[in-house]
Amino acid sequence: MCDIRCNRKDREYLANMRLAGLDFETANNCAGSICAVGCGILQDGEEGETLERLVRPHPGMDWIASFCYRVHGIGACELEGADEFPAVWPELCDLLLSADCVVIHNAPFDLGHLRAVLGLYGLPPVRFPYVCSLTASRRALPELASHSLNHVAAYFDIRFRHHNALEDALTCAKVMHEIGLTPRIPRKEFVYPVPEE
């Protein structure tokens, strides 16, 4: 079993770190079909600012697939009157950029949808450091039968409502805090648009 306890130096590093958990729920299998956004700040294990919004998907993908509805329970009625992504992005972007690191569980999924929706609306360039709590939990807790967010959260006795965007976002940040986002954990950078070679 991997020893995931942080030493004193690591804890001092964590105490000064501002994490932003991020999660999207999607309407269907179209890239960029975000229908809910959750973002929550965690500093030294304490919750801070949060953002939770329903989002009307881009025209042309403005429909709810049954398999997605079964996951998150967001239907067409809930999205009536919701803003499209450009109205939500400025506040979300400010939260992400205020953090030392963004934490996402299964980052390729969420960041793929973020990249797609930024492109659909032609939104300005953005970049931020991030870490995938799914990858980190697989390294730190190889003995777990599953590394889905609900299983990893249960290991740390973190209770939450799964597939609620804000609760998922805060939970992945809490998981990363427990594992220890230390200088030894490699971080990546999200860059939009992808630089031309």
N, C-alpha and C. Protein backbone atom coordinates (compact mmCIF):
# COMPACT_ATOMS: atom_id res chain seq x y z
N MET A 1 0.84 -1.20 0.00
CA MET A 1 0.00 0.00 0.00
C MET A 1 0.88 1.25 0.00
N CYS A 2 0.51 2.21 -0.82
CA CYS A 2 1.28 3.45 -0.93
C CYS A 2 1.02 4.33 0.29
N ASP A 3 2.09 4.89 0.84
CA ASP A 3 1.95 5.83 1.96
C ASP A 3 1.67 7.21 1.38
N ILE A 4 0.42 7.69 1.54
CA ILE A 4 0.04 8.96 0.93
C ILE A 4 0.13 10.12 1.92
N ARG A 5 0.64 9.85 3.13
CA ARG A 5 0.70 10.93 4.10
C ARG A 5 1.76 11.96 3.70
N CYS A 6 1.41 13.23 3.84
CA CYS A 6 2.35 14.31 3.51
C CYS A 6 3.26 14.58 4.70
N ASN A 7 4.51 14.90 4.41
CA ASN A 7 5.39 15.28 5.49
C ASN A 7 5.16 16.76 5.85
N ARG A 8 5.89 17.24 6.87
CA ARG A 8 5.64 18.60 7.35
C ARG A 8 5.87 19.64 6.26
N LYS A 9 6.94 19.47 5.49
CA LYS A 9 7.25 20.42 4.42
C LYS A 9 6.13 20.46 3.40
N ASP A 10 5.60 19.26 3.06
CA ASP A 10 4.50 19.18 2.10
C ASP A 10 3.26 19.88 2.64
N ARG A 11 2.97 19.69 3.93
CA ARG A 11 1.78 20.31 4.52
C ARG A 11 1.90 21.84 4.51
N GLU A 12 3.11 22.34 4.75
CA GLU A 12 3.31 23.78 4.69
C GLU A 12 3.07 24.29 3.27
N TYR A 13 3.50 23.50 2.28
CA TYR A 13 3.28 23.87 0.88
C TYR A 13 1.78 23.87 0.56
N LEU A 14 1.07 22.85 1.03
CA LEU A 14 -0.37 22.76 0.80
C LEU A 14 -1.13 23.89 1.48
N ALA A 15 -0.67 24.30 2.64
CA ALA A 15 -1.38 25.33 3.39
C ALA A 15 -1.46 26.65 2.63
N ASN A 16 -0.50 26.88 1.76
CA ASN A 16 -0.47 28.12 0.99
C ASN A 16 -1.02 27.95 -0.42
N MET A 17 -1.59 26.79 -0.70
CA MET A 17 -2.05 26.51 -2.07
C MET A 17 -3.56 26.68 -2.18
N ARG A 18 -3.96 27.35 -3.24
CA ARG A 18 -5.37 27.57 -3.54
C ARG A 18 -5.74 26.66 -4.71
N LEU A 19 -6.62 25.70 -4.42
CA LEU A 19 -7.06 24.74 -5.43
C LEU A 19 -8.44 25.13 -5.94
N ALA A 20 -8.68 24.91 -7.23
CA ALA A 20 -10.01 25.10 -7.81
C ALA A 20 -10.47 23.78 -8.40
N GLY A 21 -11.48 23.17 -7.80
CA GLY A 21 -12.07 21.97 -8.38
C GLY A 21 -12.99 22.36 -9.53
N LEU A 22 -12.99 21.57 -10.59
CA LEU A 22 -13.80 21.88 -11.78
C LEU A 22 -14.51 20.64 -12.26
N ASP A 23 -15.78 20.80 -12.62
CA ASP A 23 -16.54 19.68 -13.17
C ASP A 23 -17.60 20.20 -14.13
N PHE A 24 -17.79 19.45 -15.22
CA PHE A 24 -18.86 19.73 -16.17
C PHE A 24 -19.78 18.52 -16.26
N GLU A 25 -21.07 18.76 -16.45
CA GLU A 25 -22.01 17.74 -16.88
C GLU A 25 -22.37 18.07 -18.33
N THR A 26 -22.61 17.05 -19.12
CA THR A 26 -22.87 17.26 -20.55
C THR A 26 -24.25 16.78 -20.96
N ALA A 27 -24.77 17.41 -22.01
CA ALA A 27 -26.12 17.11 -22.49
C ALA A 27 -26.17 15.87 -23.37
N ASN A 28 -25.10 15.62 -24.09
CA ASN A 28 -25.06 14.50 -25.04
C ASN A 28 -23.61 14.19 -25.37
N ASN A 29 -23.37 13.40 -26.41
CA ASN A 29 -21.99 13.02 -26.72
C ASN A 29 -21.29 13.98 -27.67
N CYS A 30 -21.90 15.13 -27.96
CA CYS A 30 -21.26 16.13 -28.81
C CYS A 30 -20.19 16.88 -28.01
N ALA A 31 -19.04 17.08 -28.62
CA ALA A 31 -17.97 17.81 -27.94
C ALA A 31 -18.39 19.24 -27.67
N GLY A 32 -18.35 19.64 -26.41
CA GLY A 32 -18.73 21.00 -26.02
C GLY A 32 -20.16 21.15 -25.56
N SER A 33 -20.88 20.03 -25.42
CA SER A 33 -22.31 20.10 -25.04
C SER A 33 -22.50 20.24 -23.53
N ILE A 34 -21.79 21.19 -22.94
CA ILE A 34 -21.85 21.39 -21.48
C ILE A 34 -23.23 21.90 -21.08
N CYS A 35 -23.84 21.26 -20.07
CA CYS A 35 -25.15 21.70 -19.59
C CYS A 35 -25.13 22.09 -18.12
N ALA A 36 -24.02 21.85 -17.43
CA ALA A 36 -23.87 22.29 -16.04
C ALA A 36 -22.40 22.49 -15.73
N VAL A 37 -22.13 23.53 -14.96
CA VAL A 37 -20.77 23.91 -14.57
C VAL A 37 -20.70 23.97 -13.06
N GLY A 38 -19.64 23.38 -12.52
CA GLY A 38 -19.37 23.52 -11.09
C GLY A 38 -17.91 23.84 -10.87
N CYS A 39 -17.65 24.81 -10.02
CA CYS A 39 -16.27 25.17 -9.67
C CYS A 39 -16.25 25.60 -8.22
N GLY A 40 -15.30 25.09 -7.47
CA GLY A 40 -15.22 25.44 -6.05
C GLY A 40 -13.78 25.60 -5.61
N ILE A 41 -13.51 26.62 -4.80
CA ILE A 41 -12.17 26.90 -4.29
C ILE A 41 -11.96 26.17 -2.96
N LEU A 42 -10.78 25.61 -2.82
CA LEU A 42 -10.38 24.96 -1.57
C LEU A 42 -9.00 25.49 -1.19
N GLN A 43 -8.89 26.06 0.00
CA GLN A 43 -7.60 26.55 0.48
C GLN A 43 -7.34 25.98 1.86
N ASP A 44 -6.23 25.23 1.97
CA ASP A 44 -5.88 24.56 3.22
C ASP A 44 -7.04 23.69 3.72
N GLY A 45 -7.73 23.05 2.78
CA GLY A 45 -8.82 22.15 3.12
C GLY A 45 -10.14 22.81 3.40
N GLU A 46 -10.20 24.14 3.35
CA GLU A 46 -11.43 24.87 3.65
C GLU A 46 -12.07 25.38 2.36
N GLU A 47 -13.40 25.22 2.27
CA GLU A 47 -14.12 25.68 1.09
C GLU A 47 -14.16 27.20 1.03
N GLY A 48 -14.06 27.72 -0.19
CA GLY A 48 -14.13 29.16 -0.41
C GLY A 48 -15.21 29.48 -1.43
N GLU A 49 -14.89 30.34 -2.39
CA GLU A 49 -15.86 30.76 -3.39
C GLU A 49 -16.32 29.57 -4.25
N THR A 50 -17.56 29.64 -4.68
CA THR A 50 -18.09 28.59 -5.53
C THR A 50 -18.86 29.19 -6.70
N LEU A 51 -19.00 28.39 -7.74
CA LEU A 51 -19.81 28.77 -8.89
C LEU A 51 -20.56 27.53 -9.35
N GLU A 52 -21.88 27.65 -9.49
CA GLU A 52 -22.71 26.55 -9.97
C GLU A 52 -23.74 27.13 -10.93
N ARG A 53 -23.74 26.66 -12.17
CA ARG A 53 -24.66 27.18 -13.18
C ARG A 53 -25.15 26.06 -14.09
N LEU A 54 -26.42 26.15 -14.46
CA LEU A 54 -26.92 25.36 -15.58
C LEU A 54 -26.59 26.14 -16.85
N VAL A 55 -26.30 25.42 -17.93
CA VAL A 55 -25.86 26.04 -19.17
C VAL A 55 -26.66 25.45 -20.34
N ARG A 56 -27.19 26.33 -21.17
CA ARG A 56 -27.88 25.87 -22.37
C ARG A 56 -26.83 25.55 -23.43
N PRO A 57 -26.79 24.32 -23.93
CA PRO A 57 -25.76 23.97 -24.91
C PRO A 57 -25.87 24.80 -26.20
N HIS A 58 -24.78 24.84 -26.91
CA HIS A 58 -24.70 25.56 -28.17
C HIS A 58 -25.79 25.09 -29.13
N PRO A 59 -26.42 25.99 -29.89
CA PRO A 59 -27.42 25.57 -30.88
C PRO A 59 -26.83 24.51 -31.82
N GLY A 60 -27.63 23.52 -32.11
CA GLY A 60 -27.15 22.41 -32.93
C GLY A 60 -26.81 21.19 -32.08
N MET A 61 -26.58 21.42 -30.78
CA MET A 61 -26.38 20.30 -29.86
C MET A 61 -27.21 20.53 -28.60
N ASP A 62 -28.30 21.25 -28.79
CA ASP A 62 -29.17 21.67 -27.69
C ASP A 62 -30.24 20.62 -27.44
N TRP A 63 -29.80 19.43 -27.05
CA TRP A 63 -30.73 18.34 -26.73
C TRP A 63 -30.10 17.45 -25.68
N ILE A 64 -30.94 16.78 -24.92
CA ILE A 64 -30.47 15.93 -23.82
C ILE A 64 -30.56 14.46 -24.23
N ALA A 65 -29.44 13.79 -24.24
CA ALA A 65 -29.42 12.35 -24.51
C ALA A 65 -29.93 11.60 -23.28
N SER A 66 -30.64 10.52 -23.53
CA SER A 66 -31.23 9.78 -22.42
C SER A 66 -30.16 9.24 -21.48
N PHE A 67 -29.03 8.79 -22.03
CA PHE A 67 -27.99 8.23 -21.16
C PHE A 67 -27.36 9.31 -20.28
N CYS A 68 -27.31 10.55 -20.77
CA CYS A 68 -26.80 11.64 -19.94
C CYS A 68 -27.81 12.02 -18.86
N TYR A 69 -29.09 12.05 -19.24
CA TYR A 69 -30.12 12.38 -18.26
C TYR A 69 -30.12 11.37 -17.11
N ARG A 70 -29.89 10.10 -17.43
CA ARG A 70 -29.85 9.08 -16.38
C ARG A 70 -28.70 9.30 -15.41
N VAL A 71 -27.64 9.93 -15.87
CA VAL A 71 -26.48 10.19 -15.01
C VAL A 71 -26.72 11.39 -14.10
N HIS A 72 -27.12 12.54 -14.69
CA HIS A 72 -27.18 13.77 -13.89
C HIS A 72 -28.59 14.30 -13.63
N GLY A 73 -29.60 13.79 -14.33
CA GLY A 73 -30.97 14.20 -14.06
C GLY A 73 -31.33 15.60 -14.54
N ILE A 74 -30.49 16.17 -15.41
CA ILE A 74 -30.78 17.50 -15.96
C ILE A 74 -31.50 17.33 -17.29
N GLY A 75 -32.72 17.85 -17.37
CA GLY A 75 -33.52 17.73 -18.58
C GLY A 75 -33.75 19.05 -19.26
N ALA A 76 -34.48 19.01 -20.36
CA ALA A 76 -34.75 20.22 -21.13
C ALA A 76 -35.47 21.27 -20.30
N CYS A 77 -36.36 20.83 -19.42
CA CYS A 77 -37.12 21.79 -18.59
C CYS A 77 -36.18 22.57 -17.67
N GLU A 78 -35.18 21.90 -17.12
CA GLU A 78 -34.24 22.57 -16.21
C GLU A 78 -33.40 23.61 -16.96
N LEU A 79 -33.21 23.39 -18.25
CA LEU A 79 -32.34 24.29 -19.02
C LEU A 79 -33.09 25.46 -19.65
N GLU A 80 -34.41 25.46 -19.53
CA GLU A 80 -35.17 26.59 -20.07
C GLU A 80 -34.77 27.88 -19.35
N GLY A 81 -34.38 28.87 -20.14
CA GLY A 81 -33.96 30.14 -19.56
C GLY A 81 -32.51 30.19 -19.11
N ALA A 82 -31.79 29.05 -19.21
CA ALA A 82 -30.38 29.05 -18.82
C ALA A 82 -29.54 29.80 -19.85
N ASP A 83 -28.47 30.42 -19.40
CA ASP A 83 -27.55 31.12 -20.30
C ASP A 83 -26.71 30.12 -21.07
N GLU A 84 -26.23 30.55 -22.23
CA GLU A 84 -25.23 29.77 -22.94
C GLU A 84 -23.86 30.02 -22.33
N PHE A 85 -22.89 29.23 -22.72
CA PHE A 85 -21.59 29.22 -22.06
C PHE A 85 -20.89 30.58 -22.01
N PRO A 86 -20.93 31.39 -23.07
CA PRO A 86 -20.21 32.67 -23.00
C PRO A 86 -20.63 33.58 -21.85
N ALA A 87 -21.87 33.46 -21.41
CA ALA A 87 -22.34 34.29 -20.29
C ALA A 87 -21.78 33.80 -18.95
N VAL A 88 -21.42 32.53 -18.88
CA VAL A 88 -20.91 31.92 -17.65
C VAL A 88 -19.39 32.00 -17.58
N TRP A 89 -18.76 31.98 -18.75
CA TRP A 89 -17.31 31.82 -18.82
C TRP A 89 -16.52 32.91 -18.08
N PRO A 90 -16.85 34.20 -18.16
CA PRO A 90 -16.02 35.19 -17.47
C PRO A 90 -15.86 34.91 -15.98
N GLU A 91 -16.95 34.59 -15.29
CA GLU A 91 -16.87 34.31 -13.86
C GLU A 91 -16.12 33.01 -13.60
N LEU A 92 -16.38 32.00 -14.42
CA LEU A 92 -15.69 30.72 -14.26
C LEU A 92 -14.20 30.89 -14.52
N CYS A 93 -13.86 31.61 -15.58
CA CYS A 93 -12.46 31.83 -15.93
C CYS A 93 -11.73 32.55 -14.80
N ASP A 94 -12.36 33.55 -14.21
CA ASP A 94 -11.74 34.28 -13.11
C ASP A 94 -11.43 33.36 -11.94
N LEU A 95 -12.36 32.45 -11.62
CA LEU A 95 -12.12 31.50 -10.52
C LEU A 95 -10.95 30.58 -10.84
N LEU A 96 -10.93 30.05 -12.06
CA LEU A 96 -9.86 29.14 -12.45
C LEU A 96 -8.50 29.83 -12.40
N LEU A 97 -8.44 31.05 -12.90
CA LEU A 97 -7.17 31.77 -12.94
C LEU A 97 -6.73 32.27 -11.58
N SER A 98 -7.66 32.31 -10.61
CA SER A 98 -7.31 32.74 -9.26
C SER A 98 -6.61 31.64 -8.48
N ALA A 99 -6.66 30.42 -8.99
CA ALA A 99 -6.13 29.26 -8.26
C ALA A 99 -4.68 28.99 -8.64
N ASP A 100 -3.97 28.36 -7.71
CA ASP A 100 -2.62 27.89 -8.02
C ASP A 100 -2.67 26.67 -8.92
N CYS A 101 -3.73 25.89 -8.80
CA CYS A 101 -3.89 24.71 -9.63
C CYS A 101 -5.36 24.33 -9.70
N VAL A 102 -5.80 23.90 -10.89
CA VAL A 102 -7.16 23.41 -11.09
C VAL A 102 -7.14 21.89 -10.97
N VAL A 103 -8.12 21.34 -10.27
CA VAL A 103 -8.20 19.89 -10.06
C VAL A 103 -9.43 19.35 -10.76
N ILE A 104 -9.24 18.30 -11.55
CA ILE A 104 -10.32 17.72 -12.34
C ILE A 104 -10.20 16.20 -12.26
N HIS A 105 -11.30 15.51 -12.03
CA HIS A 105 -11.30 14.05 -12.01
C HIS A 105 -11.61 13.56 -13.43
N ASN A 106 -10.65 12.86 -14.02
CA ASN A 106 -10.71 12.47 -15.43
C ASN A 106 -10.62 13.72 -16.31
N ALA A 107 -9.51 14.42 -16.16
CA ALA A 107 -9.30 15.71 -16.82
C ALA A 107 -9.48 15.68 -18.34
N PRO A 108 -9.06 14.64 -19.06
CA PRO A 108 -9.23 14.67 -20.52
C PRO A 108 -10.69 14.85 -20.94
N PHE A 109 -11.63 14.30 -20.18
CA PHE A 109 -13.05 14.45 -20.51
C PHE A 109 -13.48 15.90 -20.39
N ASP A 110 -13.29 16.48 -19.21
CA ASP A 110 -13.77 17.85 -18.96
C ASP A 110 -13.01 18.87 -19.81
N LEU A 111 -11.71 18.72 -19.93
CA LEU A 111 -10.94 19.68 -20.70
C LEU A 111 -11.19 19.55 -22.19
N GLY A 112 -11.54 18.35 -22.64
CA GLY A 112 -11.94 18.19 -24.04
C GLY A 112 -13.20 18.97 -24.34
N HIS A 113 -14.16 18.91 -23.43
CA HIS A 113 -15.40 19.68 -23.60
C HIS A 113 -15.14 21.19 -23.46
N LEU A 114 -14.25 21.57 -22.55
CA LEU A 114 -13.93 22.99 -22.40
C LEU A 114 -13.28 23.52 -23.68
N ARG A 115 -12.31 22.80 -24.20
CA ARG A 115 -11.64 23.24 -25.42
C ARG A 115 -12.65 23.37 -26.57
N ALA A 116 -13.56 22.41 -26.66
CA ALA A 116 -14.55 22.42 -27.73
C ALA A 116 -15.50 23.61 -27.62
N VAL A 117 -15.99 23.88 -26.41
CA VAL A 117 -16.96 24.97 -26.26
C VAL A 117 -16.30 26.33 -26.42
N LEU A 118 -15.06 26.47 -26.01
CA LEU A 118 -14.33 27.71 -26.25
C LEU A 118 -14.19 27.97 -27.75
N GLY A 119 -13.94 26.89 -28.50
CA GLY A 119 -13.83 27.01 -29.94
C GLY A 119 -15.15 27.29 -30.62
N LEU A 120 -16.22 26.66 -30.14
CA LEU A 120 -17.55 26.87 -30.73
C LEU A 120 -17.95 28.34 -30.69
N TYR A 121 -17.60 29.01 -29.60
CA TYR A 121 -18.00 30.41 -29.43
C TYR A 121 -16.87 31.40 -29.76
N GLY A 122 -15.70 30.89 -30.15
CA GLY A 122 -14.59 31.77 -30.48
C GLY A 122 -14.15 32.63 -29.32
N LEU A 123 -14.08 32.04 -28.13
CA LEU A 123 -13.72 32.80 -26.92
C LEU A 123 -12.21 33.02 -26.84
N PRO A 124 -11.78 34.03 -26.07
CA PRO A 124 -10.36 34.40 -26.04
C PRO A 124 -9.45 33.29 -25.49
N PRO A 125 -8.15 33.38 -25.80
CA PRO A 125 -7.19 32.38 -25.30
C PRO A 125 -7.15 32.32 -23.79
N VAL A 126 -6.83 31.15 -23.26
CA VAL A 126 -6.70 30.97 -21.81
C VAL A 126 -5.72 29.84 -21.56
N ARG A 127 -5.04 29.92 -20.43
CA ARG A 127 -4.16 28.82 -20.01
C ARG A 127 -4.12 28.77 -18.49
N PHE A 128 -4.04 27.56 -17.95
CA PHE A 128 -3.96 27.41 -16.49
C PHE A 128 -3.37 26.05 -16.16
N PRO A 129 -2.68 25.93 -15.01
CA PRO A 129 -2.14 24.63 -14.59
C PRO A 129 -3.24 23.76 -14.01
N TYR A 130 -3.13 22.45 -14.23
CA TYR A 130 -4.13 21.55 -13.70
C TYR A 130 -3.49 20.21 -13.33
N VAL A 131 -4.22 19.46 -12.53
CA VAL A 131 -3.83 18.11 -12.19
C VAL A 131 -5.09 17.24 -12.26
N CYS A 132 -4.91 15.99 -12.68
CA CYS A 132 -6.03 15.05 -12.77
C CYS A 132 -6.07 14.21 -11.50
N SER A 133 -7.13 14.36 -10.71
CA SER A 133 -7.21 13.61 -9.45
C SER A 133 -7.44 12.12 -9.70
N LEU A 134 -7.96 11.76 -10.87
CA LEU A 134 -8.09 10.35 -11.21
C LEU A 134 -6.71 9.71 -11.36
N THR A 135 -5.83 10.35 -12.13
CA THR A 135 -4.47 9.85 -12.31
C THR A 135 -3.72 9.81 -10.99
N ALA A 136 -3.87 10.89 -10.19
CA ALA A 136 -3.18 10.95 -8.90
C ALA A 136 -3.66 9.86 -7.95
N SER A 137 -4.96 9.59 -7.95
CA SER A 137 -5.48 8.56 -7.03
C SER A 137 -5.05 7.17 -7.47
N ARG A 138 -4.92 6.94 -8.77
CA ARG A 138 -4.43 5.64 -9.25
C ARG A 138 -3.00 5.40 -8.79
N ARG A 139 -2.20 6.46 -8.77
CA ARG A 139 -0.81 6.33 -8.32
C ARG A 139 -0.72 6.17 -6.81
N ALA A 140 -1.53 6.94 -6.09
CA ALA A 140 -1.43 6.95 -4.63
C ALA A 140 -2.14 5.77 -3.98
N LEU A 141 -3.22 5.29 -4.63
CA LEU A 141 -4.06 4.24 -4.02
C LEU A 141 -4.27 3.09 -4.99
N PRO A 142 -3.22 2.41 -5.39
CA PRO A 142 -3.36 1.34 -6.39
C PRO A 142 -4.20 0.17 -5.91
N GLU A 143 -4.38 0.07 -4.59
CA GLU A 143 -5.13 -1.08 -4.04
C GLU A 143 -6.64 -0.93 -4.19
N LEU A 144 -7.13 0.25 -4.52
CA LEU A 144 -8.57 0.44 -4.67
C LEU A 144 -9.08 -0.31 -5.90
N ALA A 145 -10.25 -0.93 -5.76
CA ALA A 145 -10.83 -1.67 -6.89
C ALA A 145 -11.28 -0.71 -7.99
N SER A 146 -11.70 0.47 -7.62
CA SER A 146 -12.14 1.49 -8.57
C SER A 146 -11.60 2.84 -8.14
N HIS A 147 -11.27 3.67 -9.12
CA HIS A 147 -10.79 5.02 -8.82
C HIS A 147 -11.77 6.08 -9.30
N SER A 148 -13.04 5.66 -9.48
CA SER A 148 -14.07 6.65 -9.78
C SER A 148 -14.18 7.59 -8.59
N LEU A 149 -14.70 8.78 -8.83
CA LEU A 149 -14.70 9.81 -7.79
C LEU A 149 -15.43 9.36 -6.53
N ASN A 150 -16.55 8.67 -6.69
CA ASN A 150 -17.30 8.25 -5.50
C ASN A 150 -16.53 7.22 -4.67
N HIS A 151 -15.78 6.34 -5.32
CA HIS A 151 -15.00 5.35 -4.57
C HIS A 151 -13.82 5.99 -3.85
N VAL A 152 -13.12 6.90 -4.53
CA VAL A 152 -11.98 7.56 -3.89
C VAL A 152 -12.46 8.46 -2.75
N ALA A 153 -13.57 9.16 -2.96
CA ALA A 153 -14.12 10.00 -1.91
C ALA A 153 -14.51 9.16 -0.69
N ALA A 154 -15.09 8.00 -0.92
CA ALA A 154 -15.47 7.13 0.19
C ALA A 154 -14.25 6.69 1.00
N TYR A 155 -13.14 6.45 0.32
CA TYR A 155 -11.89 6.08 1.00
C TYR A 155 -11.49 7.15 2.01
N PHE A 156 -11.69 8.41 1.66
CA PHE A 156 -11.34 9.51 2.54
C PHE A 156 -12.52 9.99 3.39
N ASP A 157 -13.63 9.24 3.34
CA ASP A 157 -14.83 9.58 4.11
C ASP A 157 -15.36 10.96 3.74
N ILE A 158 -15.31 11.28 2.45
CA ILE A 158 -15.87 12.52 1.93
C ILE A 158 -17.26 12.21 1.38
N ARG A 159 -18.27 12.84 1.93
CA ARG A 159 -19.64 12.59 1.48
C ARG A 159 -20.09 13.69 0.53
N PHE A 160 -20.73 13.30 -0.56
CA PHE A 160 -21.17 14.28 -1.55
C PHE A 160 -22.24 13.67 -2.44
N ARG A 161 -22.88 14.51 -3.25
CA ARG A 161 -23.90 14.06 -4.19
C ARG A 161 -23.26 13.93 -5.56
N HIS A 162 -23.04 12.69 -5.97
CA HIS A 162 -22.31 12.41 -7.21
C HIS A 162 -23.10 12.90 -8.42
N HIS A 163 -22.37 13.46 -9.40
CA HIS A 163 -22.91 13.99 -10.65
C HIS A 163 -23.69 15.29 -10.46
N ASN A 164 -23.54 15.92 -9.32
CA ASN A 164 -23.89 17.33 -9.17
C ASN A 164 -22.59 18.07 -9.43
N ALA A 165 -22.59 19.00 -10.41
CA ALA A 165 -21.33 19.58 -10.88
C ALA A 165 -20.54 20.25 -9.76
N LEU A 166 -21.19 21.04 -8.92
CA LEU A 166 -20.46 21.72 -7.86
C LEU A 166 -19.92 20.74 -6.83
N GLU A 167 -20.74 19.78 -6.42
CA GLU A 167 -20.28 18.83 -5.41
C GLU A 167 -19.15 17.96 -5.95
N ASP A 168 -19.23 17.56 -7.22
CA ASP A 168 -18.13 16.82 -7.82
C ASP A 168 -16.86 17.67 -7.84
N ALA A 169 -17.00 18.96 -8.20
CA ALA A 169 -15.84 19.84 -8.28
C ALA A 169 -15.16 19.98 -6.93
N LEU A 170 -15.93 20.26 -5.88
CA LEU A 170 -15.35 20.41 -4.55
C LEU A 170 -14.74 19.11 -4.07
N THR A 171 -15.39 17.99 -4.40
CA THR A 171 -14.90 16.69 -3.94
C THR A 171 -13.57 16.34 -4.57
N CYS A 172 -13.40 16.60 -5.87
CA CYS A 172 -12.11 16.25 -6.48
C CYS A 172 -11.00 17.13 -5.90
N ALA A 173 -11.30 18.38 -5.55
CA ALA A 173 -10.30 19.22 -4.88
C ALA A 173 -9.97 18.67 -3.50
N LYS A 174 -10.98 18.22 -2.76
CA LYS A 174 -10.75 17.64 -1.43
C LYS A 174 -9.93 16.35 -1.52
N VAL A 175 -10.22 15.53 -2.52
CA VAL A 175 -9.45 14.30 -2.73
C VAL A 175 -7.99 14.64 -2.98
N MET A 176 -7.75 15.64 -3.82
CA MET A 176 -6.38 16.03 -4.13
C MET A 176 -5.69 16.58 -2.91
N HIS A 177 -6.43 17.30 -2.08
CA HIS A 177 -5.86 17.81 -0.83
C HIS A 177 -5.46 16.66 0.08
N GLU A 178 -6.28 15.62 0.14
CA GLU A 178 -5.96 14.47 0.99
C GLU A 178 -4.76 13.69 0.45
N ILE A 179 -4.72 13.51 -0.85
CA ILE A 179 -3.60 12.80 -1.45
C ILE A 179 -2.32 13.60 -1.27
N GLY A 180 -2.45 14.92 -1.44
CA GLY A 180 -1.29 15.79 -1.27
C GLY A 180 -0.78 16.30 -2.59
N LEU A 181 -1.21 17.48 -2.98
CA LEU A 181 -0.70 18.11 -4.19
C LEU A 181 0.60 18.81 -3.83
N THR A 182 1.67 18.08 -3.88
CA THR A 182 2.98 18.56 -3.45
C THR A 182 3.84 18.83 -4.68
N PRO A 183 5.02 19.41 -4.48
CA PRO A 183 5.90 19.65 -5.63
C PRO A 183 6.28 18.37 -6.37
N ARG A 184 6.09 17.21 -5.73
CA ARG A 184 6.45 15.95 -6.38
C ARG A 184 5.36 15.45 -7.34
N ILE A 185 4.16 16.05 -7.25
CA ILE A 185 3.07 15.65 -8.14
C ILE A 185 3.17 16.45 -9.44
N PRO A 186 3.37 15.78 -10.56
CA PRO A 186 3.49 16.53 -11.83
C PRO A 186 2.18 17.18 -12.23
N ARG A 187 2.29 18.41 -12.66
CA ARG A 187 1.12 19.13 -13.14
C ARG A 187 1.26 19.41 -14.63
N LYS A 188 0.11 19.57 -15.27
CA LYS A 188 0.09 19.88 -16.70
C LYS A 188 -0.49 21.28 -16.88
N GLU A 189 -0.51 21.73 -18.13
CA GLU A 189 -1.07 23.04 -18.41
C GLU A 189 -2.10 22.92 -19.52
N PHE A 190 -3.28 23.47 -19.25
CA PHE A 190 -4.30 23.58 -20.29
C PHE A 190 -4.03 24.85 -21.06
N VAL A 191 -3.97 24.72 -22.38
CA VAL A 191 -3.71 25.87 -23.24
C VAL A 191 -4.74 25.89 -24.35
N TYR A 192 -5.44 27.01 -24.49
CA TYR A 192 -6.39 27.19 -25.58
C TYR A 192 -6.12 28.54 -26.22
N PRO A 193 -6.03 28.58 -27.55
CA PRO A 193 -6.01 27.43 -28.46
C PRO A 193 -4.66 26.72 -28.42
N VAL A 194 -4.61 25.53 -28.99
CA VAL A 194 -3.36 24.80 -29.04
C VAL A 194 -2.37 25.56 -29.91
N PRO A 195 -1.18 25.85 -29.40
CA PRO A 195 -0.21 26.62 -30.20
C PRO A 195 0.16 25.90 -31.49
N GLU A 196 0.31 26.67 -32.54
CA GLU A 196 0.73 26.09 -33.81
C GLU A 196 2.22 25.79 -33.76
N GLU A 197 2.60 24.64 -34.32
CA GLU A 197 4.01 24.26 -34.31
C GLU A 197 4.74 24.92 -35.49
